[in-house]
Amino acid sequence: MTKIAIQGVHGCFHEQAARLFYGNEIGVCECLSFEDLFVALDQGKASGAIMAIENTVAGGLLPNYSLLHKHSRKVKGEVFLRIQQNLMALPGTDKDGSVRLLLNWLQNYSVWRFFRLV
């Protein structure tokens, strides 16, 4: 079975993209960071990988371009995956003052800021 490295865990958007590109009959090598993804490739734990490098709203993920160069890897293809996320709250939460802390990935924050949700 082909093992594909992804940044994230089973069920994440990277796994969805991996299955779209490589097919459903793959094993997934979960990596906690994009750097770990390249380590998995270098150590032979995975024979391929999926990594986000562009975001339609927020732009390119420049650190990932640097990782491609640092590890002398090339892009093999591309997958377009529409990402739909929701900011949810309990009933009665007032969006104009009740939310005091929002924890998320930096790239998501820049998208939400664009839509004035944060």
PDB file of N, CA and C in Angstrom:
ATOM      1  N   MET A   1       0.848  -1.181   0.000  1.00  0.00           N
ATOM      2  CA  MET A   1       0.000   0.000   0.000  1.00  0.00           C
ATOM      3  C   MET A   1       0.895   1.246   0.000  1.00  0.00           C
ATOM      4  N   THR A   2       0.570   2.195  -0.838  1.00  0.00           N
ATOM      5  CA  THR A   2       1.311   3.450  -0.911  1.00  0.00           C
ATOM      6  C   THR A   2       1.060   4.277   0.341  1.00  0.00           C
ATOM      7  N   LYS A   3       2.126   4.751   0.952  1.00  0.00           N
ATOM      8  CA  LYS A   3       2.017   5.572   2.162  1.00  0.00           C
ATOM      9  C   LYS A   3       2.285   7.025   1.773  1.00  0.00           C
ATOM     10  N   ILE A   4       1.340   7.915   2.112  1.00  0.00           N
ATOM     11  CA  ILE A   4       1.424   9.333   1.767  1.00  0.00           C
ATOM     12  C   ILE A   4       1.508  10.162   3.046  1.00  0.00           C
ATOM     13  N   ALA A   5       2.495  11.045   3.114  1.00  0.00           N
ATOM     14  CA  ALA A   5       2.655  11.928   4.272  1.00  0.00           C
ATOM     15  C   ALA A   5       1.723  13.129   4.143  1.00  0.00           C
ATOM     16  N   ILE A   6       1.071  13.454   5.241  1.00  0.00           N
ATOM     17  CA  ILE A   6       0.211  14.637   5.298  1.00  0.00           C
ATOM     18  C   ILE A   6       0.548  15.412   6.560  1.00  0.00           C
ATOM     19  N   GLN A   7       0.328  16.715   6.541  1.00  0.00           N
ATOM     20  CA  GLN A   7       0.441  17.511   7.759  1.00  0.00           C
ATOM     21  C   GLN A   7      -0.943  17.484   8.384  1.00  0.00           C
ATOM     22  N   GLY A   8      -1.055  16.843   9.526  1.00  0.00           N
ATOM     23  CA  GLY A   8      -2.343  16.727  10.190  1.00  0.00           C
ATOM     24  C   GLY A   8      -2.649  15.287  10.551  1.00  0.00           C
ATOM     25  N   VAL A   9      -3.897  15.054  10.896  1.00  0.00           N
ATOM     26  CA  VAL A   9      -4.348  13.734  11.335  1.00  0.00           C
ATOM     27  C   VAL A   9      -5.463  13.254  10.415  1.00  0.00           C
ATOM     28  N   HIS A  10      -5.823  11.969  10.586  1.00  0.00           N
ATOM     29  CA  HIS A  10      -6.882  11.392   9.762  1.00  0.00           C
ATOM     30  C   HIS A  10      -8.129  12.277   9.784  1.00  0.00           C
ATOM     31  N   GLY A  11      -8.697  12.510   8.626  1.00  0.00           N
ATOM     32  CA  GLY A  11      -9.902  13.318   8.503  1.00  0.00           C
ATOM     33  C   GLY A  11      -9.644  14.773   8.172  1.00  0.00           C
ATOM     34  N   CYS A  12      -8.393  15.196   8.198  1.00  0.00           N
ATOM     35  CA  CYS A  12      -8.094  16.608   7.918  1.00  0.00           C
ATOM     36  C   CYS A  12      -8.172  16.886   6.410  1.00  0.00           C
ATOM     37  N   PHE A  13      -8.104  18.154   6.060  1.00  0.00           N
ATOM     38  CA  PHE A  13      -8.187  18.545   4.653  1.00  0.00           C
ATOM     39  C   PHE A  13      -7.040  17.979   3.826  1.00  0.00           C
ATOM     40  N   HIS A  14      -5.851  17.846   4.433  1.00  0.00           N
ATOM     41  CA  HIS A  14      -4.727  17.273   3.688  1.00  0.00           C
ATOM     42  C   HIS A  14      -4.996  15.810   3.319  1.00  0.00           C
ATOM     43  N   GLU A  15      -5.655  15.073   4.199  1.00  0.00           N
ATOM     44  CA  GLU A  15      -5.994  13.685   3.851  1.00  0.00           C
ATOM     45  C   GLU A  15      -7.005  13.659   2.713  1.00  0.00           C
ATOM     46  N   GLN A  16      -7.975  14.557   2.744  1.00  0.00           N
ATOM     47  CA  GLN A  16      -8.939  14.631   1.637  1.00  0.00           C
ATOM     48  C   GLN A  16      -8.214  14.871   0.315  1.00  0.00           C
ATOM     49  N   ALA A  17      -7.284  15.816   0.319  1.00  0.00           N
ATOM     50  CA  ALA A  17      -6.527  16.137  -0.891  1.00  0.00           C
ATOM     51  C   ALA A  17      -5.677  14.946  -1.332  1.00  0.00           C
ATOM     52  N   ALA A  18      -5.075  14.246  -0.380  1.00  0.00           N
ATOM     53  CA  ALA A  18      -4.249  13.074  -0.705  1.00  0.00           C
ATOM     54  C   ALA A  18      -5.081  12.005  -1.389  1.00  0.00           C
ATOM     55  N   ARG A  19      -6.275  11.768  -0.898  1.00  0.00           N
ATOM     56  CA  ARG A  19      -7.138  10.738  -1.495  1.00  0.00           C
ATOM     57  C   ARG A  19      -7.651  11.175  -2.876  1.00  0.00           C
ATOM     58  N   LEU A  20      -7.876  12.458  -3.063  1.00  0.00           N
ATOM     59  CA  LEU A  20      -8.261  12.949  -4.388  1.00  0.00           C
ATOM     60  C   LEU A  20      -7.133  12.753  -5.402  1.00  0.00           C
ATOM     61  N   PHE A  21      -5.900  13.001  -4.972  1.00  0.00           N
ATOM     62  CA  PHE A  21      -4.756  12.932  -5.886  1.00  0.00           C
ATOM     63  C   PHE A  21      -4.262  11.499  -6.097  1.00  0.00           C
ATOM     64  N   TYR A  22      -4.079  10.752  -4.998  1.00  0.00           N
ATOM     65  CA  TYR A  22      -3.485   9.419  -5.073  1.00  0.00           C
ATOM     66  C   TYR A  22      -4.510   8.285  -5.116  1.00  0.00           C
ATOM     67  N   GLY A  23      -5.764   8.574  -4.794  1.00  0.00           N
ATOM     68  CA  GLY A  23      -6.789   7.535  -4.739  1.00  0.00           C
ATOM     69  C   GLY A  23      -7.046   7.109  -3.305  1.00  0.00           C
ATOM     70  N   ASN A  24      -8.125   6.379  -3.091  1.00  0.00           N
ATOM     71  CA  ASN A  24      -8.533   5.985  -1.741  1.00  0.00           C
ATOM     72  C   ASN A  24      -7.700   4.862  -1.147  1.00  0.00           C
ATOM     73  N   GLU A  25      -6.998   4.107  -1.969  1.00  0.00           N
ATOM     74  CA  GLU A  25      -6.239   2.947  -1.490  1.00  0.00           C
ATOM     75  C   GLU A  25      -4.842   3.334  -1.032  1.00  0.00           C
ATOM     76  N   ILE A  26      -4.748   4.317  -0.164  1.00  0.00           N
ATOM     77  CA  ILE A  26      -3.456   4.766   0.361  1.00  0.00           C
ATOM     78  C   ILE A  26      -3.435   4.629   1.866  1.00  0.00           C
ATOM     79  N   GLY A  27      -2.242   4.545   2.410  1.00  0.00           N
ATOM     80  CA  GLY A  27      -2.045   4.672   3.842  1.00  0.00           C
ATOM     81  C   GLY A  27      -1.602   6.108   4.106  1.00  0.00           C
ATOM     82  N   VAL A  28      -1.871   6.604   5.285  1.00  0.00           N
ATOM     83  CA  VAL A  28      -1.536   7.982   5.608  1.00  0.00           C
ATOM     84  C   VAL A  28      -0.487   8.003   6.714  1.00  0.00           C
ATOM     85  N   CYS A  29       0.555   8.785   6.495  1.00  0.00           N
ATOM     86  CA  CYS A  29       1.590   9.023   7.501  1.00  0.00           C
ATOM     87  C   CYS A  29       1.318  10.407   8.091  1.00  0.00           C
ATOM     88  N   GLU A  30       0.762  10.433   9.304  1.00  0.00           N
ATOM     89  CA  GLU A  30       0.383  11.698   9.943  1.00  0.00           C
ATOM     90  C   GLU A  30       1.633  12.430  10.442  1.00  0.00           C
ATOM     91  N   CYS A  31       1.731  13.702  10.109  1.00  0.00           N
ATOM     92  CA  CYS A  31       2.866  14.529  10.527  1.00  0.00           C
ATOM     93  C   CYS A  31       2.341  15.763  11.260  1.00  0.00           C
ATOM     94  N   LEU A  32       3.008  16.143  12.333  1.00  0.00           N
ATOM     95  CA  LEU A  32       2.556  17.274  13.129  1.00  0.00           C
ATOM     96  C   LEU A  32       2.924  18.619  12.530  1.00  0.00           C
ATOM     97  N   SER A  33       3.902  18.635  11.618  1.00  0.00           N
ATOM     98  CA  SER A  33       4.305  19.891  10.989  1.00  0.00           C
ATOM     99  C   SER A  33       4.678  19.614   9.537  1.00  0.00           C
ATOM    100  N   PHE A  34       4.800  20.680   8.752  1.00  0.00           N
ATOM    101  CA  PHE A  34       5.230  20.507   7.369  1.00  0.00           C
ATOM    102  C   PHE A  34       6.682  20.036   7.312  1.00  0.00           C
ATOM    103  N   GLU A  35       7.499  20.472   8.248  1.00  0.00           N
ATOM    104  CA  GLU A  35       8.890  19.988   8.317  1.00  0.00           C
ATOM    105  C   GLU A  35       8.905  18.483   8.549  1.00  0.00           C
ATOM    106  N   ASP A  36       8.049  17.994   9.456  1.00  0.00           N
ATOM    107  CA  ASP A  36       7.961  16.557   9.723  1.00  0.00           C
ATOM    108  C   ASP A  36       7.559  15.769   8.481  1.00  0.00           C
ATOM    109  N   LEU A  37       6.766  16.380   7.630  1.00  0.00           N
ATOM    110  CA  LEU A  37       6.352  15.752   6.376  1.00  0.00           C
ATOM    111  C   LEU A  37       7.578  15.437   5.511  1.00  0.00           C
ATOM    112  N   PHE A  38       8.506  16.384   5.421  1.00  0.00           N
ATOM    113  CA  PHE A  38       9.716  16.169   4.637  1.00  0.00           C
ATOM    114  C   PHE A  38      10.640  15.151   5.297  1.00  0.00           C
ATOM    115  N   VAL A  39      10.680  15.141   6.626  1.00  0.00           N
ATOM    116  CA  VAL A  39      11.469  14.148   7.340  1.00  0.00           C
ATOM    117  C   VAL A  39      10.935  12.753   7.039  1.00  0.00           C
ATOM    118  N   ALA A  40       9.608  12.596   7.034  1.00  0.00           N
ATOM    119  CA  ALA A  40       8.995  11.304   6.711  1.00  0.00           C
ATOM    120  C   ALA A  40       9.388  10.848   5.309  1.00  0.00           C
ATOM    121  N   LEU A  41       9.408  11.769   4.361  1.00  0.00           N
ATOM    122  CA  LEU A  41       9.840  11.429   2.999  1.00  0.00           C
ATOM    123  C   LEU A  41      11.314  11.031   2.984  1.00  0.00           C
ATOM    124  N   ASP A  42      12.151  11.831   3.640  1.00  0.00           N
ATOM    125  CA  ASP A  42      13.596  11.581   3.658  1.00  0.00           C
ATOM    126  C   ASP A  42      13.942  10.258   4.341  1.00  0.00           C
ATOM    127  N   GLN A  43      13.158   9.869   5.343  1.00  0.00           N
ATOM    128  CA  GLN A  43      13.418   8.627   6.074  1.00  0.00           C
ATOM    129  C   GLN A  43      12.732   7.412   5.448  1.00  0.00           C
ATOM    130  N   GLY A  44      12.021   7.621   4.340  1.00  0.00           N
ATOM    131  CA  GLY A  44      11.358   6.511   3.662  1.00  0.00           C
ATOM    132  C   GLY A  44      10.086   6.031   4.328  1.00  0.00           C
ATOM    133  N   LYS A  45       9.546   6.811   5.262  1.00  0.00           N
ATOM    134  CA  LYS A  45       8.291   6.437   5.922  1.00  0.00           C
ATOM    135  C   LYS A  45       7.098   6.659   4.999  1.00  0.00           C
ATOM    136  N   ALA A  46       7.284   7.473   3.962  1.00  0.00           N
ATOM    137  CA  ALA A  46       6.230   7.754   2.982  1.00  0.00           C
ATOM    138  C   ALA A  46       6.886   7.866   1.607  1.00  0.00           C
ATOM    139  N   SER A  47       6.133   7.489   0.584  1.00  0.00           N
ATOM    140  CA  SER A  47       6.664   7.582  -0.779  1.00  0.00           C
ATOM    141  C   SER A  47       6.151   8.816  -1.514  1.00  0.00           C
ATOM    142  N   GLY A  48       5.233   9.529  -0.913  1.00  0.00           N
ATOM    143  CA  GLY A  48       4.686  10.751  -1.487  1.00  0.00           C
ATOM    144  C   GLY A  48       4.127  11.616  -0.379  1.00  0.00           C
ATOM    145  N   ALA A  49       3.710  12.817  -0.739  1.00  0.00           N
ATOM    146  CA  ALA A  49       3.185  13.741   0.269  1.00  0.00           C
ATOM    147  C   ALA A  49       2.209  14.712  -0.374  1.00  0.00           C
ATOM    148  N   ILE A  50       1.369  15.273   0.452  1.00  0.00           N
ATOM    149  CA  ILE A  50       0.461  16.349   0.064  1.00  0.00           C
ATOM    150  C   ILE A  50       0.740  17.518   0.999  1.00  0.00           C
ATOM    151  N   MET A  51       0.912  18.704   0.406  1.00  0.00           N
ATOM    152  CA  MET A  51       1.214  19.879   1.212  1.00  0.00           C
ATOM    153  C   MET A  51       0.550  21.095   0.583  1.00  0.00           C
ATOM    154  N   ALA A  52      -0.135  21.884   1.393  1.00  0.00           N
ATOM    155  CA  ALA A  52      -0.734  23.125   0.912  1.00  0.00           C
ATOM    156  C   ALA A  52       0.358  24.138   0.619  1.00  0.00           C
ATOM    157  N   ILE A  53       0.255  24.810  -0.533  1.00  0.00           N
ATOM    158  CA  ILE A  53       1.204  25.879  -0.839  1.00  0.00           C
ATOM    159  C   ILE A  53       0.510  27.165  -1.274  1.00  0.00           C
ATOM    160  N   GLU A  54      -0.795  27.092  -1.505  1.00  0.00           N
ATOM    161  CA  GLU A  54      -1.560  28.281  -1.903  1.00  0.00           C
ATOM    162  C   GLU A  54      -2.897  28.298  -1.188  1.00  0.00           C
ATOM    163  N   ASN A  55      -3.381  29.504  -0.942  1.00  0.00           N
ATOM    164  CA  ASN A  55      -4.699  29.723  -0.376  1.00  0.00           C
ATOM    165  C   ASN A  55      -5.321  30.859  -1.176  1.00  0.00           C
ATOM    166  N   THR A  56      -6.471  30.621  -1.769  1.00  0.00           N
ATOM    167  CA  THR A  56      -7.093  31.596  -2.653  1.00  0.00           C
ATOM    168  C   THR A  56      -7.277  32.965  -2.006  1.00  0.00           C
ATOM    169  N   VAL A  57      -7.681  32.992  -0.750  1.00  0.00           N
ATOM    170  CA  VAL A  57      -7.952  34.252  -0.080  1.00  0.00           C
ATOM    171  C   VAL A  57      -6.690  34.840   0.550  1.00  0.00           C
ATOM    172  N   ALA A  58      -5.926  34.017   1.270  1.00  0.00           N
ATOM    173  CA  ALA A  58      -4.792  34.521   2.045  1.00  0.00           C
ATOM    174  C   ALA A  58      -3.470  34.502   1.276  1.00  0.00           C
ATOM    175  N   GLY A  59      -3.413  33.830   0.135  1.00  0.00           N
ATOM    176  CA  GLY A  59      -2.186  33.817  -0.663  1.00  0.00           C
ATOM    177  C   GLY A  59      -1.328  32.595  -0.425  1.00  0.00           C
ATOM    178  N   GLY A  60      -0.059  32.707  -0.825  1.00  0.00           N
ATOM    179  CA  GLY A  60       0.864  31.588  -0.737  1.00  0.00           C
ATOM    180  C   GLY A  60       1.365  31.334   0.674  1.00  0.00           C
ATOM    181  N   LEU A  61       1.688  30.087   0.944  1.00  0.00           N
ATOM    182  CA  LEU A  61       2.300  29.703   2.212  1.00  0.00           C
ATOM    183  C   LEU A  61       3.806  29.667   1.971  1.00  0.00           C
ATOM    184  N   LEU A  62       4.430  30.823   2.079  1.00  0.00           N
ATOM    185  CA  LEU A  62       5.838  30.978   1.717  1.00  0.00           C
ATOM    186  C   LEU A  62       6.781  30.023   2.441  1.00  0.00           C
ATOM    187  N   PRO A  63       6.559  29.724   3.722  1.00  0.00           N
ATOM    188  CA  PRO A  63       7.458  28.759   4.373  1.00  0.00           C
ATOM    189  C   PRO A  63       7.457  27.388   3.685  1.00  0.00           C
ATOM    190  N   ASN A  64       6.324  26.998   3.099  1.00  0.00           N
ATOM    191  CA  ASN A  64       6.265  25.703   2.430  1.00  0.00           C
ATOM    192  C   ASN A  64       7.050  25.707   1.124  1.00  0.00           C
ATOM    193  N   TYR A  65       7.075  26.828   0.433  1.00  0.00           N
ATOM    194  CA  TYR A  65       7.930  26.944  -0.750  1.00  0.00           C
ATOM    195  C   TYR A  65       9.393  26.783  -0.334  1.00  0.00           C
ATOM    196  N   SER A  66       9.763  27.374   0.783  1.00  0.00           N
ATOM    197  CA  SER A  66      11.139  27.260   1.282  1.00  0.00           C
ATOM    198  C   SER A  66      11.482  25.812   1.619  1.00  0.00           C
ATOM    199  N   LEU A  67      10.531  25.080   2.203  1.00  0.00           N
ATOM    200  CA  LEU A  67      10.770  23.673   2.520  1.00  0.00           C
ATOM    201  C   LEU A  67      10.982  22.842   1.261  1.00  0.00           C
ATOM    202  N   LEU A  68      10.217  23.126   0.222  1.00  0.00           N
ATOM    203  CA  LEU A  68      10.421  22.416  -1.060  1.00  0.00           C
ATOM    204  C   LEU A  68      11.846  22.621  -1.553  1.00  0.00           C
ATOM    205  N   HIS A  69      12.315  23.841  -1.486  1.00  0.00           N
ATOM    206  CA  HIS A  69      13.675  24.158  -1.938  1.00  0.00           C
ATOM    207  C   HIS A  69      14.729  23.523  -1.018  1.00  0.00           C
ATOM    208  N   LYS A  70      14.540  23.671   0.286  1.00  0.00           N
ATOM    209  CA  LYS A  70      15.493  23.142   1.266  1.00  0.00           C
ATOM    210  C   LYS A  70      15.689  21.636   1.114  1.00  0.00           C
ATOM    211  N   HIS A  71      14.616  20.910   0.835  1.00  0.00           N
ATOM    212  CA  HIS A  71      14.673  19.446   0.739  1.00  0.00           C
ATOM    213  C   HIS A  71      14.805  18.949  -0.706  1.00  0.00           C
ATOM    214  N   SER A  72      15.026  19.872  -1.622  1.00  0.00           N
ATOM    215  CA  SER A  72      15.210  19.531  -3.047  1.00  0.00           C
ATOM    216  C   SER A  72      14.085  18.651  -3.582  1.00  0.00           C
ATOM    217  N   ARG A  73      12.856  19.031  -3.280  1.00  0.00           N
ATOM    218  CA  ARG A  73      11.670  18.303  -3.763  1.00  0.00           C
ATOM    219  C   ARG A  73      10.969  19.141  -4.817  1.00  0.00           C
ATOM    220  N   LYS A  74      10.230  18.469  -5.688  1.00  0.00           N
ATOM    221  CA  LYS A  74       9.496  19.155  -6.741  1.00  0.00           C
ATOM    222  C   LYS A  74       8.007  18.841  -6.640  1.00  0.00           C
ATOM    223  N   VAL A  75       7.212  19.760  -7.129  1.00  0.00           N
ATOM    224  CA  VAL A  75       5.765  19.571  -7.170  1.00  0.00           C
ATOM    225  C   VAL A  75       5.446  18.589  -8.287  1.00  0.00           C
ATOM    226  N   LYS A  76       4.636  17.591  -7.975  1.00  0.00           N
ATOM    227  CA  LYS A  76       4.271  16.529  -8.916  1.00  0.00           C
ATOM    228  C   LYS A  76       2.919  16.794  -9.572  1.00  0.00           C
ATOM    229  N   GLY A  77       2.072  17.559  -8.926  1.00  0.00           N
ATOM    230  CA  GLY A  77       0.735  17.841  -9.438  1.00  0.00           C
ATOM    231  C   GLY A  77       0.019  18.765  -8.477  1.00  0.00           C
ATOM    232  N   GLU A  78      -1.258  18.986  -8.741  1.00  0.00           N
ATOM    233  CA  GLU A  78      -2.022  19.862  -7.858  1.00  0.00           C
ATOM    234  C   GLU A  78      -3.428  19.349  -7.671  1.00  0.00           C
ATOM    235  N   VAL A  79      -3.985  19.730  -6.551  1.00  0.00           N
ATOM    236  CA  VAL A  79      -5.359  19.382  -6.199  1.00  0.00           C
ATOM    237  C   VAL A  79      -6.043  20.668  -5.779  1.00  0.00           C
ATOM    238  N   PHE A  80      -7.215  20.900  -6.300  1.00  0.00           N
ATOM    239  CA  PHE A  80      -8.019  22.030  -5.859  1.00  0.00           C
ATOM    240  C   PHE A  80      -9.073  21.484  -4.911  1.00  0.00           C
ATOM    241  N   LEU A  81      -9.043  21.961  -3.676  1.00  0.00           N
ATOM    242  CA  LEU A  81      -9.967  21.482  -2.659  1.00  0.00           C
ATOM    243  C   LEU A  81     -10.645  22.679  -2.021  1.00  0.00           C
ATOM    244  N   ARG A  82     -11.939  22.767  -2.191  1.00  0.00           N
ATOM    245  CA  ARG A  82     -12.681  23.871  -1.574  1.00  0.00           C
ATOM    246  C   ARG A  82     -12.792  23.602  -0.079  1.00  0.00           C
ATOM    247  N   ILE A  83     -12.319  24.554   0.689  1.00  0.00           N
ATOM    248  CA  ILE A  83     -12.336  24.430   2.135  1.00  0.00           C
ATOM    249  C   ILE A  83     -13.507  25.239   2.680  1.00  0.00           C
ATOM    250  N   GLN A  84     -14.363  24.562   3.412  1.00  0.00           N
ATOM    251  CA  GLN A  84     -15.483  25.238   4.057  1.00  0.00           C
ATOM    252  C   GLN A  84     -15.365  25.023   5.558  1.00  0.00           C
ATOM    253  N   GLN A  85     -15.290  26.120   6.283  1.00  0.00           N
ATOM    254  CA  GLN A  85     -15.182  26.050   7.731  1.00  0.00           C
ATOM    255  C   GLN A  85     -16.256  26.927   8.358  1.00  0.00           C
ATOM    256  N   ASN A  86     -16.563  26.605   9.578  1.00  0.00           N
ATOM    257  CA  ASN A  86     -17.576  27.358  10.295  1.00  0.00           C
ATOM    258  C   ASN A  86     -17.043  27.773  11.651  1.00  0.00           C
ATOM    259  N   LEU A  87     -17.366  28.969  12.050  1.00  0.00           N
ATOM    260  CA  LEU A  87     -17.096  29.424  13.402  1.00  0.00           C
ATOM    261  C   LEU A  87     -18.399  29.223  14.169  1.00  0.00           C
ATOM    262  N   MET A  88     -18.371  28.310  15.132  1.00  0.00           N
ATOM    263  CA  MET A  88     -19.598  27.958  15.842  1.00  0.00           C
ATOM    264  C   MET A  88     -19.536  28.436  17.286  1.00  0.00           C
ATOM    265  N   ALA A  89     -20.705  28.667  17.847  1.00  0.00           N
ATOM    266  CA  ALA A  89     -20.806  29.079  19.246  1.00  0.00           C
ATOM    267  C   ALA A  89     -22.096  28.512  19.828  1.00  0.00           C
ATOM    268  N   LEU A  90     -22.168  28.532  21.118  1.00  0.00           N
ATOM    269  CA  LEU A  90     -23.369  28.055  21.796  1.00  0.00           C
ATOM    270  C   LEU A  90     -24.526  29.013  21.555  1.00  0.00           C
ATOM    271  N   PRO A  91     -25.776  28.513  21.593  1.00  0.00           N
ATOM    272  CA  PRO A  91     -26.933  29.394  21.433  1.00  0.00           C
ATOM    273  C   PRO A  91     -26.888  30.535  22.446  1.00  0.00           C
ATOM    274  N   GLY A  92     -27.236  31.719  21.985  1.00  0.00           N
ATOM    275  CA  GLY A  92     -27.246  32.893  22.849  1.00  0.00           C
ATOM    276  C   GLY A  92     -25.937  33.664  22.860  1.00  0.00           C
ATOM    277  N   THR A  93     -24.913  33.139  22.187  1.00  0.00           N
ATOM    278  CA  THR A  93     -23.632  33.847  22.144  1.00  0.00           C
ATOM    279  C   THR A  93     -23.776  35.079  21.265  1.00  0.00           C
ATOM    280  N   ASP A  94     -23.372  36.206  21.782  1.00  0.00           N
ATOM    281  CA  ASP A  94     -23.449  37.474  21.061  1.00  0.00           C
ATOM    282  C   ASP A  94     -22.158  37.679  20.285  1.00  0.00           C
ATOM    283  N   LYS A  95     -22.235  37.722  18.969  1.00  0.00           N
ATOM    284  CA  LYS A  95     -21.020  37.838  18.152  1.00  0.00           C
ATOM    285  C   LYS A  95     -20.311  39.174  18.336  1.00  0.00           C
ATOM    286  N   ASP A  96     -20.968  40.143  18.935  1.00  0.00           N
ATOM    287  CA  ASP A  96     -20.362  41.461  19.109  1.00  0.00           C
ATOM    288  C   ASP A  96     -19.729  41.662  20.476  1.00  0.00           C
ATOM    289  N   GLY A  97     -19.565  40.595  21.271  1.00  0.00           N
ATOM    290  CA  GLY A  97     -18.926  40.821  22.554  1.00  0.00           C
ATOM    291  C   GLY A  97     -18.702  39.590  23.403  1.00  0.00           C
ATOM    292  N   SER A  98     -19.399  38.511  23.127  1.00  0.00           N
ATOM    293  CA  SER A  98     -19.280  37.330  23.970  1.00  0.00           C
ATOM    294  C   SER A  98     -18.006  36.535  23.716  1.00  0.00           C
ATOM    295  N   VAL A  99     -17.497  36.553  22.492  1.00  0.00           N
ATOM    296  CA  VAL A  99     -16.301  35.784  22.164  1.00  0.00           C
ATOM    297  C   VAL A  99     -15.078  36.609  22.558  1.00  0.00           C
ATOM    298  N   ARG A 100     -14.303  36.085  23.512  1.00  0.00           N
ATOM    299  CA  ARG A 100     -13.130  36.805  23.999  1.00  0.00           C
ATOM    300  C   ARG A 100     -11.829  36.179  23.521  1.00  0.00           C
ATOM    301  N   LEU A 101     -11.855  34.890  23.189  1.00  0.00           N
ATOM    302  CA  LEU A 101     -10.642  34.196  22.790  1.00  0.00           C
ATOM    303  C   LEU A 101     -10.951  33.228  21.661  1.00  0.00           C
ATOM    304  N   LEU A 102     -10.175  33.300  20.602  1.00  0.00           N
ATOM    305  CA  LEU A 102     -10.340  32.409  19.462  1.00  0.00           C
ATOM    306  C   LEU A 102      -8.974  31.840  19.126  1.00  0.00           C
ATOM    307  N   LEU A 103      -8.841  30.520  19.217  1.00  0.00           N
ATOM    308  CA  LEU A 103      -7.579  29.856  18.922  1.00  0.00           C
ATOM    309  C   LEU A 103      -7.706  29.118  17.603  1.00  0.00           C
ATOM    310  N   ASN A 104      -6.750  29.342  16.706  1.00  0.00           N
ATOM    311  CA  ASN A 104      -6.786  28.672  15.426  1.00  0.00           C
ATOM    312  C   ASN A 104      -5.449  28.821  14.741  1.00  0.00           C
ATOM    313  N   TRP A 105      -5.350  28.208  13.583  1.00  0.00           N
ATOM    314  CA  TRP A 105      -4.149  28.258  12.764  1.00  0.00           C
ATOM    315  C   TRP A 105      -4.030  29.642  12.133  1.00  0.00           C
ATOM    316  N   LEU A 106      -2.837  30.183  12.042  1.00  0.00           N
ATOM    317  CA  LEU A 106      -2.600  31.530  11.548  1.00  0.00           C
ATOM    318  C   LEU A 106      -3.208  31.763  10.168  1.00  0.00           C
ATOM    319  N   GLN A 107      -3.104  30.796   9.270  1.00  0.00           N
ATOM    320  CA  GLN A 107      -3.642  30.972   7.917  1.00  0.00           C
ATOM    321  C   GLN A 107      -5.158  31.176   7.963  1.00  0.00           C
ATOM    322  N   ASN A 108      -5.841  30.434   8.830  1.00  0.00           N
ATOM    323  CA  ASN A 108      -7.284  30.618   8.970  1.00  0.00           C
ATOM    324  C   ASN A 108      -7.604  32.007   9.502  1.00  0.00           C
ATOM    325  N   TYR A 109      -6.794  32.485  10.435  1.00  0.00           N
ATOM    326  CA  TYR A 109      -7.029  33.816  10.991  1.00  0.00           C
ATOM    327  C   TYR A 109      -6.990  34.870   9.895  1.00  0.00           C
ATOM    328  N   SER A 110      -6.037  34.770   8.989  1.00  0.00           N
ATOM    329  CA  SER A 110      -5.941  35.777   7.933  1.00  0.00           C
ATOM    330  C   SER A 110      -7.161  35.727   7.013  1.00  0.00           C
ATOM    331  N   VAL A 111      -7.716  34.535   6.796  1.00  0.00           N
ATOM    332  CA  VAL A 111      -8.931  34.416   5.982  1.00  0.00           C
ATOM    333  C   VAL A 111     -10.106  35.042   6.718  1.00  0.00           C
ATOM    334  N   TRP A 112     -10.250  34.723   8.011  1.00  0.00           N
ATOM    335  CA  TRP A 112     -11.366  35.266   8.781  1.00  0.00           C
ATOM    336  C   TRP A 112     -11.256  36.774   8.897  1.00  0.00           C
ATOM    337  N   ARG A 113     -10.047  37.284   9.062  1.00  0.00           N
ATOM    338  CA  ARG A 113      -9.853  38.726   9.146  1.00  0.00           C
ATOM    339  C   ARG A 113     -10.333  39.388   7.858  1.00  0.00           C
ATOM    340  N   PHE A 114     -10.072  38.740   6.724  1.00  0.00           N
ATOM    341  CA  PHE A 114     -10.506  39.261   5.437  1.00  0.00           C
ATOM    342  C   PHE A 114     -12.027  39.421   5.415  1.00  0.00           C
ATOM    343  N   PHE A 115     -12.725  38.473   6.000  1.00  0.00           N
ATOM    344  CA  PHE A 115     -14.187  38.533   6.025  1.00  0.00           C
ATOM    345  C   PHE A 115     -14.726  39.226   7.269  1.00  0.00           C
ATOM    346  N   ARG A 116     -13.848  39.849   8.048  1.00  0.00           N
ATOM    347  CA  ARG A 116     -14.213  40.600   9.247  1.00  0.00           C
ATOM    348  C   ARG A 116     -14.967  39.767  10.270  1.00  0.00           C
ATOM    349  N   LEU A 117     -14.555  38.533  10.413  1.00  0.00           N
ATOM    350  CA  LEU A 117     -15.167  37.674  11.431  1.00  0.00           C
ATOM    351  C   LEU A 117     -14.395  37.741  12.734  1.00  0.00           C
ATOM    352  N   VAL A 118     -13.156  38.203  12.676  1.00  0.00           N
ATOM    353  CA  VAL A 118     -12.339  38.281  13.881  1.00  0.00           C
ATOM    354  C   VAL A 118     -11.943  39.713  14.103  1.00  0.00           C
TER     355      VAL A 118
END
